[in-house]
PDB file of N, CA and C in Angstrom:
ATOM      1  N   MET A   1     -16.938   1.703 -28.292  1.00  0.00           N
ATOM      2  CA  MET A   1     -15.976   1.954 -27.405  1.00  0.00           C
ATOM      3  C   MET A   1     -15.173   0.586 -27.045  1.00  0.00           C
ATOM      4  N   THR A   2     -13.843   0.682 -27.240  1.00  0.00           N
ATOM      5  CA  THR A   2     -12.900  -0.426 -27.018  1.00  0.00           C
ATOM      6  C   THR A   2     -12.753  -0.767 -25.416  1.00  0.00           C
ATOM      7  N   ASN A   3     -11.997  -1.974 -25.310  1.00  0.00           N
ATOM      8  CA  ASN A   3     -11.964  -2.016 -24.360  1.00  0.00           C
ATOM      9  C   ASN A   3     -10.360  -1.287 -23.527  1.00  0.00           C
ATOM     10  N   ARG A   4      -9.842  -0.974 -24.630  1.00  0.00           N
ATOM     11  CA  ARG A   4      -8.298  -0.124 -24.189  1.00  0.00           C
ATOM     12  C   ARG A   4      -8.791   1.193 -24.011  1.00  0.00           C
ATOM     13  N   LYS A   5      -9.925   1.974 -24.632  1.00  0.00           N
ATOM     14  CA  LYS A   5     -10.123   3.051 -24.119  1.00  0.00           C
ATOM     15  C   LYS A   5     -10.902   3.070 -22.456  1.00  0.00           C
ATOM     16  N   ILE A   6     -11.976   2.102 -22.275  1.00  0.00           N
ATOM     17  CA  ILE A   6     -12.497   1.703 -21.332  1.00  0.00           C
ATOM     18  C   ILE A   6     -11.184   1.680 -20.174  1.00  0.00           C
ATOM     19  N   ALA A   7     -10.164   1.036 -20.260  1.00  0.00           N
ATOM     20  CA  ALA A   7      -9.154   1.144 -19.397  1.00  0.00           C
ATOM     21  C   ALA A   7      -8.407   2.149 -18.982  1.00  0.00           C
ATOM     22  N   GLY A   8      -8.116   3.143 -20.177  1.00  0.00           N
ATOM     23  CA  GLY A   8      -7.908   4.232 -19.935  1.00  0.00           C
ATOM     24  C   GLY A   8      -8.876   5.296 -18.923  1.00  0.00           C
ATOM     25  N   ILE A   9     -10.179   5.167 -19.188  1.00  0.00           N
ATOM     26  CA  ILE A   9     -10.738   5.998 -18.645  1.00  0.00           C
ATOM     27  C   ILE A   9     -10.884   5.461 -17.096  1.00  0.00           C
ATOM     28  N   ILE A  10     -11.081   4.540 -16.668  1.00  0.00           N
ATOM     29  CA  ILE A  10     -11.025   3.917 -15.445  1.00  0.00           C
ATOM     30  C   ILE A  10      -9.680   4.375 -14.771  1.00  0.00           C
ATOM     31  N   THR A  11      -8.830   4.125 -15.343  1.00  0.00           N
ATOM     32  CA  THR A  11      -7.418   4.309 -14.820  1.00  0.00           C
ATOM     33  C   THR A  11      -7.802   5.837 -14.705  1.00  0.00           C
ATOM     34  N   THR A  12      -7.695   6.948 -15.086  1.00  0.00           N
ATOM     35  CA  THR A  12      -7.896   8.490 -14.898  1.00  0.00           C
ATOM     36  C   THR A  12      -9.063   8.607 -13.896  1.00  0.00           C
ATOM     37  N   ILE A  13     -10.237   7.938 -14.125  1.00  0.00           N
ATOM     38  CA  ILE A  13     -11.023   8.411 -12.696  1.00  0.00           C
ATOM     39  C   ILE A  13     -10.291   7.615 -11.450  1.00  0.00           C
ATOM     40  N   ILE A  14      -9.714   6.778 -11.164  1.00  0.00           N
ATOM     41  CA  ILE A  14      -9.037   6.179  -9.788  1.00  0.00           C
ATOM     42  C   ILE A  14      -7.926   6.959  -9.689  1.00  0.00           C
ATOM     43  N   GLY A  15      -6.964   7.494 -10.827  1.00  0.00           N
ATOM     44  CA  GLY A  15      -5.909   8.270 -10.272  1.00  0.00           C
ATOM     45  C   GLY A  15      -6.230   9.642  -9.818  1.00  0.00           C
ATOM     46  N   LEU A  16      -7.025  10.222 -10.403  1.00  0.00           N
ATOM     47  CA  LEU A  16      -7.539  11.684 -10.275  1.00  0.00           C
ATOM     48  C   LEU A  16      -8.029  11.395  -8.786  1.00  0.00           C
ATOM     49  N   CYS A  17      -9.148  10.385  -8.732  1.00  0.00           N
ATOM     50  CA  CYS A  17      -9.456  10.400  -7.202  1.00  0.00           C
ATOM     51  C   CYS A  17      -8.518  10.112  -5.984  1.00  0.00           C
ATOM     52  N   ALA A  18      -7.354   9.516  -6.490  1.00  0.00           N
ATOM     53  CA  ALA A  18      -6.564   8.963  -5.591  1.00  0.00           C
ATOM     54  C   ALA A  18      -5.675  10.364  -5.406  1.00  0.00           C
ATOM     55  N   LEU A  19      -5.482  11.219  -6.473  1.00  0.00           N
ATOM     56  CA  LEU A  19      -4.910  12.478  -6.343  1.00  0.00           C
ATOM     57  C   LEU A  19      -5.243  13.226  -5.688  1.00  0.00           C
ATOM     58  N   ILE A  20      -6.767  13.567  -5.787  1.00  0.00           N
ATOM     59  CA  ILE A  20      -7.528  14.404  -5.198  1.00  0.00           C
ATOM     60  C   ILE A  20      -7.558  14.212  -3.532  1.00  0.00           C
ATOM     61  N   ALA A  21      -7.818  12.834  -3.095  1.00  0.00           N
ATOM     62  CA  ALA A  21      -7.631  12.496  -1.807  1.00  0.00           C
ATOM     63  C   ALA A  21      -6.397  12.396  -0.928  1.00  0.00           C
ATOM     64  N   PHE A  22      -5.368  12.559  -1.840  1.00  0.00           N
ATOM     65  CA  PHE A  22      -3.760  12.636  -1.321  1.00  0.00           C
ATOM     66  C   PHE A  22      -3.967  14.091  -1.295  1.00  0.00           C
ATOM     67  N   PHE A  23      -4.219  15.121  -1.607  1.00  0.00           N
ATOM     68  CA  PHE A  23      -4.162  16.526  -1.183  1.00  0.00           C
ATOM     69  C   PHE A  23      -4.821  16.814  -0.089  1.00  0.00           C
ATOM     70  N   ASN A  24      -6.187  16.202  -0.097  1.00  0.00           N
ATOM     71  CA  ASN A  24      -7.107  16.727   1.037  1.00  0.00           C
ATOM     72  C   ASN A  24      -6.992  15.477   2.183  1.00  0.00           C
ATOM     73  N   ALA A  25      -6.003  15.033   2.358  1.00  0.00           N
ATOM     74  CA  ALA A  25      -5.615  14.057   3.622  1.00  0.00           C
ATOM     75  C   ALA A  25      -5.775  14.926   4.996  1.00  0.00           C
ATOM     76  N   GLY A  26      -6.358  14.593   5.785  1.00  0.00           N
ATOM     77  CA  GLY A  26      -6.143  15.334   6.950  1.00  0.00           C
ATOM     78  C   GLY A  26      -7.011  16.409   7.107  1.00  0.00           C
ATOM     79  N   MET A  27      -7.791  16.880   6.188  1.00  0.00           N
ATOM     80  CA  MET A  27      -8.771  18.213   6.404  1.00  0.00           C
ATOM     81  C   MET A  27      -9.954  17.842   6.516  1.00  0.00           C
ATOM     82  N   ASP A  28     -10.740  18.636   7.245  1.00  0.00           N
ATOM     83  CA  ASP A  28     -12.259  18.583   7.816  1.00  0.00           C
ATOM     84  C   ASP A  28     -13.482  18.971   6.664  1.00  0.00           C
ATOM     85  N   THR A  29     -12.856  19.182   5.471  1.00  0.00           N
ATOM     86  CA  THR A  29     -14.018  19.628   4.429  1.00  0.00           C
ATOM     87  C   THR A  29     -14.598  18.313   4.119  1.00  0.00           C
ATOM     88  N   PRO A  30     -15.977  18.707   3.429  1.00  0.00           N
ATOM     89  CA  PRO A  30     -16.876  17.584   3.237  1.00  0.00           C
ATOM     90  C   PRO A  30     -16.244  16.991   1.802  1.00  0.00           C
ATOM     91  N   LEU A  31     -16.799  15.795   1.502  1.00  0.00           N
ATOM     92  CA  LEU A  31     -16.230  15.017   0.468  1.00  0.00           C
ATOM     93  C   LEU A  31     -16.400  15.479  -0.850  1.00  0.00           C
ATOM     94  N   LEU A  32     -17.905  16.287  -0.851  1.00  0.00           N
ATOM     95  CA  LEU A  32     -18.047  16.876  -2.175  1.00  0.00           C
ATOM     96  C   LEU A  32     -17.123  18.088  -2.564  1.00  0.00           C
ATOM     97  N   SER A  33     -16.540  18.541  -1.464  1.00  0.00           N
ATOM     98  CA  SER A  33     -15.759  19.917  -1.775  1.00  0.00           C
ATOM     99  C   SER A  33     -14.210  19.572  -2.114  1.00  0.00           C
ATOM    100  N   TRP A  34     -13.989  18.274  -2.061  1.00  0.00           N
ATOM    101  CA  TRP A  34     -12.529  17.864  -2.414  1.00  0.00           C
ATOM    102  C   TRP A  34     -12.362  18.249  -3.544  1.00  0.00           C
ATOM    103  N   PRO A  35     -12.813  17.929  -4.589  1.00  0.00           N
ATOM    104  CA  PRO A  35     -12.183  18.690  -5.964  1.00  0.00           C
ATOM    105  C   PRO A  35     -11.795  19.878  -5.826  1.00  0.00           C
ATOM    106  N   LEU A  36     -12.718  20.550  -5.556  1.00  0.00           N
ATOM    107  CA  LEU A  36     -12.441  21.987  -5.504  1.00  0.00           C
ATOM    108  C   LEU A  36     -11.491  22.687  -4.724  1.00  0.00           C
ATOM    109  N   GLU A  37     -11.294  21.976  -3.715  1.00  0.00           N
ATOM    110  CA  GLU A  37     -10.071  22.325  -2.546  1.00  0.00           C
ATOM    111  C   GLU A  37      -8.994  21.875  -2.993  1.00  0.00           C
ATOM    112  N   ALA A  38      -8.937  20.766  -3.837  1.00  0.00           N
ATOM    113  CA  ALA A  38      -7.686  20.440  -4.363  1.00  0.00           C
ATOM    114  C   ALA A  38      -7.027  21.210  -5.128  1.00  0.00           C
ATOM    115  N   TYR A  39      -8.048  21.707  -6.336  1.00  0.00           N
ATOM    116  CA  TYR A  39      -7.875  22.839  -7.149  1.00  0.00           C
ATOM    117  C   TYR A  39      -7.129  23.603  -6.804  1.00  0.00           C
ATOM    118  N   LEU A  40      -7.955  24.606  -5.749  1.00  0.00           N
ATOM    119  CA  LEU A  40      -7.657  25.730  -5.208  1.00  0.00           C
ATOM    120  C   LEU A  40      -6.455  25.690  -4.461  1.00  0.00           C
ATOM    121  N   GLY A  41      -6.080  24.392  -3.758  1.00  0.00           N
ATOM    122  CA  GLY A  41      -4.621  24.258  -3.213  1.00  0.00           C
ATOM    123  C   GLY A  41      -3.602  24.556  -4.097  1.00  0.00           C
ATOM    124  N   VAL A  42      -3.561  24.041  -5.174  1.00  0.00           N
ATOM    125  CA  VAL A  42      -2.867  23.730  -6.470  1.00  0.00           C
ATOM    126  C   VAL A  42      -2.735  24.996  -6.896  1.00  0.00           C
ATOM    127  N   ALA A  43      -3.703  25.747  -7.046  1.00  0.00           N
ATOM    128  CA  ALA A  43      -3.452  27.035  -7.734  1.00  0.00           C
ATOM    129  C   ALA A  43      -2.799  28.106  -6.671  1.00  0.00           C
ATOM    130  N   PHE A  44      -3.105  27.741  -5.330  1.00  0.00           N
ATOM    131  CA  PHE A  44      -2.518  29.052  -4.325  1.00  0.00           C
ATOM    132  C   PHE A  44      -1.334  28.275  -4.262  1.00  0.00           C
ATOM    133  N   THR A  45      -0.740  27.389  -4.389  1.00  0.00           N
ATOM    134  CA  THR A  45       0.850  26.848  -4.182  1.00  0.00           C
ATOM    135  C   THR A  45       1.570  27.335  -5.345  1.00  0.00           C
ATOM    136  N   ILE A  46       1.028  27.199  -6.573  1.00  0.00           N
ATOM    137  CA  ILE A  46       1.619  28.116  -7.886  1.00  0.00           C
ATOM    138  C   ILE A  46       1.841  29.608  -7.663  1.00  0.00           C
ATOM    139  N   GLY A  47       0.334  30.411  -7.205  1.00  0.00           N
ATOM    140  CA  GLY A  47       0.809  31.704  -7.176  1.00  0.00           C
ATOM    141  C   GLY A  47       1.401  31.749  -5.850  1.00  0.00           C
ATOM    142  N   TRP A  48       1.527  31.176  -5.104  1.00  0.00           N
ATOM    143  CA  TRP A  48       2.524  31.785  -3.793  1.00  0.00           C
ATOM    144  C   TRP A  48       3.833  31.299  -4.086  1.00  0.00           C
ATOM    145  N   LEU A  49       4.461  30.321  -4.638  1.00  0.00           N
ATOM    146  CA  LEU A  49       5.976  29.920  -4.802  1.00  0.00           C
ATOM    147  C   LEU A  49       6.368  30.914  -5.901  1.00  0.00           C
ATOM    148  N   THR A  50       5.488  31.272  -6.962  1.00  0.00           N
ATOM    149  CA  THR A  50       6.330  32.088  -8.386  1.00  0.00           C
ATOM    150  C   THR A  50       5.635  33.615  -8.142  1.00  0.00           C
ATOM    151  N   SER A  51       4.661  34.086  -7.578  1.00  0.00           N
ATOM    152  CA  SER A  51       4.115  35.240  -7.402  1.00  0.00           C
ATOM    153  C   SER A  51       3.589  35.774  -8.662  1.00  0.00           C
ATOM    154  N   MET A  52       2.866  34.674  -9.735  1.00  0.00           N
ATOM    155  CA  MET A  52       2.458  35.245 -10.514  1.00  0.00           C
ATOM    156  C   MET A  52       1.055  35.887 -10.629  1.00  0.00           C
ATOM    157  N   PRO A  53       0.653  36.546 -11.628  1.00  0.00           N
ATOM    158  CA  PRO A  53      -0.846  36.597 -11.330  1.00  0.00           C
ATOM    159  C   PRO A  53      -1.795  35.585 -10.956  1.00  0.00           C
ATOM    160  N   THR A  54      -2.991  36.163 -10.462  1.00  0.00           N
ATOM    161  CA  THR A  54      -3.596  35.021  -9.930  1.00  0.00           C
ATOM    162  C   THR A  54      -4.638  33.899 -11.044  1.00  0.00           C
ATOM    163  N   PHE A  55      -4.835  34.908 -12.002  1.00  0.00           N
ATOM    164  CA  PHE A  55      -5.365  34.252 -13.121  1.00  0.00           C
ATOM    165  C   PHE A  55      -4.578  33.226 -13.945  1.00  0.00           C
ATOM    166  N   LEU A  56      -3.401  33.350 -13.740  1.00  0.00           N
ATOM    167  CA  LEU A  56      -2.537  32.684 -14.551  1.00  0.00           C
ATOM    168  C   LEU A  56      -2.089  31.533 -13.404  1.00  0.00           C
ATOM    169  N   ALA A  57      -2.306  31.675 -12.479  1.00  0.00           N
ATOM    170  CA  ALA A  57      -1.911  30.422 -11.132  1.00  0.00           C
ATOM    171  C   ALA A  57      -3.022  29.500 -11.523  1.00  0.00           C
ATOM    172  N   TYR A  58      -4.370  30.197 -11.843  1.00  0.00           N
ATOM    173  CA  TYR A  58      -5.478  29.200 -11.916  1.00  0.00           C
ATOM    174  C   TYR A  58      -5.564  28.433 -13.228  1.00  0.00           C
ATOM    175  N   LEU A  59      -5.161  29.235 -14.251  1.00  0.00           N
ATOM    176  CA  LEU A  59      -4.893  28.777 -15.554  1.00  0.00           C
ATOM    177  C   LEU A  59      -3.760  27.574 -15.415  1.00  0.00           C
ATOM    178  N   ILE A  60      -2.556  27.612 -14.898  1.00  0.00           N
ATOM    179  CA  ILE A  60      -1.827  26.577 -14.915  1.00  0.00           C
ATOM    180  C   ILE A  60      -1.872  25.504 -14.036  1.00  0.00           C
ATOM    181  N   ALA A  61      -3.028  25.653 -12.933  1.00  0.00           N
ATOM    182  CA  ALA A  61      -3.665  24.457 -12.225  1.00  0.00           C
ATOM    183  C   ALA A  61      -4.285  23.883 -12.874  1.00  0.00           C
ATOM    184  N   ALA A  62      -5.145  24.436 -13.788  1.00  0.00           N
ATOM    185  CA  ALA A  62      -6.425  23.569 -14.356  1.00  0.00           C
ATOM    186  C   ALA A  62      -5.656  22.903 -15.331  1.00  0.00           C
ATOM    187  N   LEU A  63      -4.272  23.084 -16.023  1.00  0.00           N
ATOM    188  CA  LEU A  63      -3.607  22.688 -17.107  1.00  0.00           C
ATOM    189  C   LEU A  63      -3.171  21.545 -16.203  1.00  0.00           C
ATOM    190  N   ILE A  64      -2.541  21.627 -15.066  1.00  0.00           N
ATOM    191  CA  ILE A  64      -1.903  20.626 -14.687  1.00  0.00           C
ATOM    192  C   ILE A  64      -2.717  19.519 -14.662  1.00  0.00           C
ATOM    193  N   PHE A  65      -3.874  19.869 -13.893  1.00  0.00           N
ATOM    194  CA  PHE A  65      -5.205  18.591 -13.696  1.00  0.00           C
ATOM    195  C   PHE A  65      -5.394  17.916 -15.101  1.00  0.00           C
ATOM    196  N   VAL A  66      -5.319  18.801 -16.331  1.00  0.00           N
ATOM    197  CA  VAL A  66      -5.899  17.979 -17.405  1.00  0.00           C
ATOM    198  C   VAL A  66      -4.704  17.308 -17.803  1.00  0.00           C
ATOM    199  N   LEU A  67      -3.205  17.585 -17.831  1.00  0.00           N
ATOM    200  CA  LEU A  67      -1.966  17.012 -18.202  1.00  0.00           C
ATOM    201  C   LEU A  67      -2.075  15.884 -17.342  1.00  0.00           C
ATOM    202  N   ILE A  68      -2.440  15.623 -16.118  1.00  0.00           N
ATOM    203  CA  ILE A  68      -2.532  14.536 -15.212  1.00  0.00           C
ATOM    204  C   ILE A  68      -3.401  13.610 -15.703  1.00  0.00           C
ATOM    205  N   ALA A  69      -4.709  14.205 -15.871  1.00  0.00           N
ATOM    206  CA  ALA A  69      -5.681  13.146 -16.621  1.00  0.00           C
ATOM    207  C   ALA A  69      -5.267  12.309 -18.073  1.00  0.00           C
ATOM    208  N   VAL A  70      -4.692  13.377 -18.916  1.00  0.00           N
ATOM    209  CA  VAL A  70      -4.427  12.796 -20.250  1.00  0.00           C
ATOM    210  C   VAL A  70      -3.236  11.849 -19.957  1.00  0.00           C
ATOM    211  N   SER A  71      -2.175  11.906 -19.186  1.00  0.00           N
ATOM    212  CA  SER A  71      -1.120  11.114 -18.875  1.00  0.00           C
ATOM    213  C   SER A  71      -1.694   9.838 -18.156  1.00  0.00           C
ATOM    214  N   LEU A  72      -2.684   9.917 -17.204  1.00  0.00           N
ATOM    215  CA  LEU A  72      -3.489   8.749 -16.651  1.00  0.00           C
ATOM    216  C   LEU A  72      -4.009   7.941 -17.540  1.00  0.00           C
ATOM    217  N   TYR A  73      -4.920   8.427 -18.717  1.00  0.00           N
ATOM    218  CA  TYR A  73      -5.527   7.843 -19.637  1.00  0.00           C
ATOM    219  C   TYR A  73      -4.574   6.891 -20.414  1.00  0.00           C
ATOM    220  N   ASN A  74      -3.627   7.750 -20.954  1.00  0.00           N
ATOM    221  CA  ASN A  74      -2.520   6.916 -21.623  1.00  0.00           C
ATOM    222  C   ASN A  74      -1.932   5.749 -20.894  1.00  0.00           C
ATOM    223  N   LEU A  75      -1.509   6.067 -19.665  1.00  0.00           N
ATOM    224  CA  LEU A  75      -0.867   4.688 -18.907  1.00  0.00           C
ATOM    225  C   LEU A  75      -1.778   3.808 -18.835  1.00  0.00           C
ATOM    226  N   GLY A  76      -3.100   4.105 -18.829  1.00  0.00           N
ATOM    227  CA  GLY A  76      -4.054   3.064 -18.270  1.00  0.00           C
ATOM    228  C   GLY A  76      -4.133   2.080 -19.638  1.00  0.00           C
ATOM    229  N   SER A  77      -4.231   2.917 -20.890  1.00  0.00           N
ATOM    230  CA  SER A  77      -4.909   2.234 -22.242  1.00  0.00           C
ATOM    231  C   SER A  77      -3.269   1.462 -22.629  1.00  0.00           C
ATOM    232  N   TRP A  78      -1.858   2.181 -22.263  1.00  0.00           N
ATOM    233  CA  TRP A  78      -0.860   1.170 -22.689  1.00  0.00           C
ATOM    234  C   TRP A  78      -0.429   0.179 -21.856  1.00  0.00           C
ATOM    235  N   VAL A  79      -0.987   0.105 -20.596  1.00  0.00           N
ATOM    236  CA  VAL A  79      -0.906  -1.240 -19.532  1.00  0.00           C
ATOM    237  C   VAL A  79      -1.986  -2.276 -19.996  1.00  0.00           C
ATOM    238  N   TYR A  80      -3.053  -1.450 -20.384  1.00  0.00           N
ATOM    239  CA  TYR A  80      -4.061  -2.616 -21.055  1.00  0.00           C
ATOM    240  C   TYR A  80      -3.741  -3.332 -22.121  1.00  0.00           C
ATOM    241  N   GLY A  81      -2.962  -2.438 -23.012  1.00  0.00           N
ATOM    242  CA  GLY A  81      -2.173  -3.339 -23.982  1.00  0.00           C
ATOM    243  C   GLY A  81      -1.467  -4.095 -23.972  1.00  0.00           C
ATOM    244  N   LEU A  82      -0.492  -3.940 -22.993  1.00  0.00           N
ATOM    245  CA  LEU A  82       0.659  -4.747 -22.664  1.00  0.00           C
ATOM    246  C   LEU A  82      -0.060  -6.191 -21.729  1.00  0.00           C
ATOM    247  N   VAL A  83      -1.065  -5.972 -21.257  1.00  0.00           N
ATOM    248  CA  VAL A  83      -1.644  -7.143 -20.502  1.00  0.00           C
ATOM    249  C   VAL A  83      -2.371  -7.872 -21.600  1.00  0.00           C
ATOM    250  N   ALA A  84      -3.274  -7.362 -22.604  1.00  0.00           N
ATOM    251  CA  ALA A  84      -3.857  -7.886 -23.486  1.00  0.00           C
ATOM    252  C   ALA A  84      -2.941  -8.596 -24.528  1.00  0.00           C
ATOM    253  N   GLY A  85      -1.721  -8.346 -24.591  1.00  0.00           N
ATOM    254  CA  GLY A  85      -0.728  -8.696 -25.823  1.00  0.00           C
ATOM    255  C   GLY A  85      -0.931  -7.864 -26.946  1.00  0.00           C
ATOM    256  N   ARG A  86      -1.260  -6.989 -26.979  1.00  0.00           N
ATOM    257  CA  ARG A  86      -1.629  -6.017 -28.245  1.00  0.00           C
ATOM    258  C   ARG A  86      -0.587  -4.784 -28.271  1.00  0.00           C
ATOM    259  N   GLY A  87       0.496  -4.712 -27.372  1.00  0.00           N
ATOM    260  CA  GLY A  87       1.519  -3.705 -27.286  1.00  0.00           C
ATOM    261  C   GLY A  87       1.623  -2.501 -27.850  1.00  0.00           C
TER     262      GLY A  87
END
């Protein structure tokens, strides 16, 4: 595994943890329940704002988290490439 991939994975983990912490700020839920609460909160918001079927709201919420993870991975590997001079 190259350093560029490791930088992308670390960026993804830190970014998703920060996003989940942002969604759960001020809530009294236990720390282990935060990822599920963030996912359900996004699915509820999508379903409530668009009044689409429940299964589609869950699917879009999962797709949003996957797209955020992929974009954070690409951002981390790109920044590592800039810092390491391999642009």
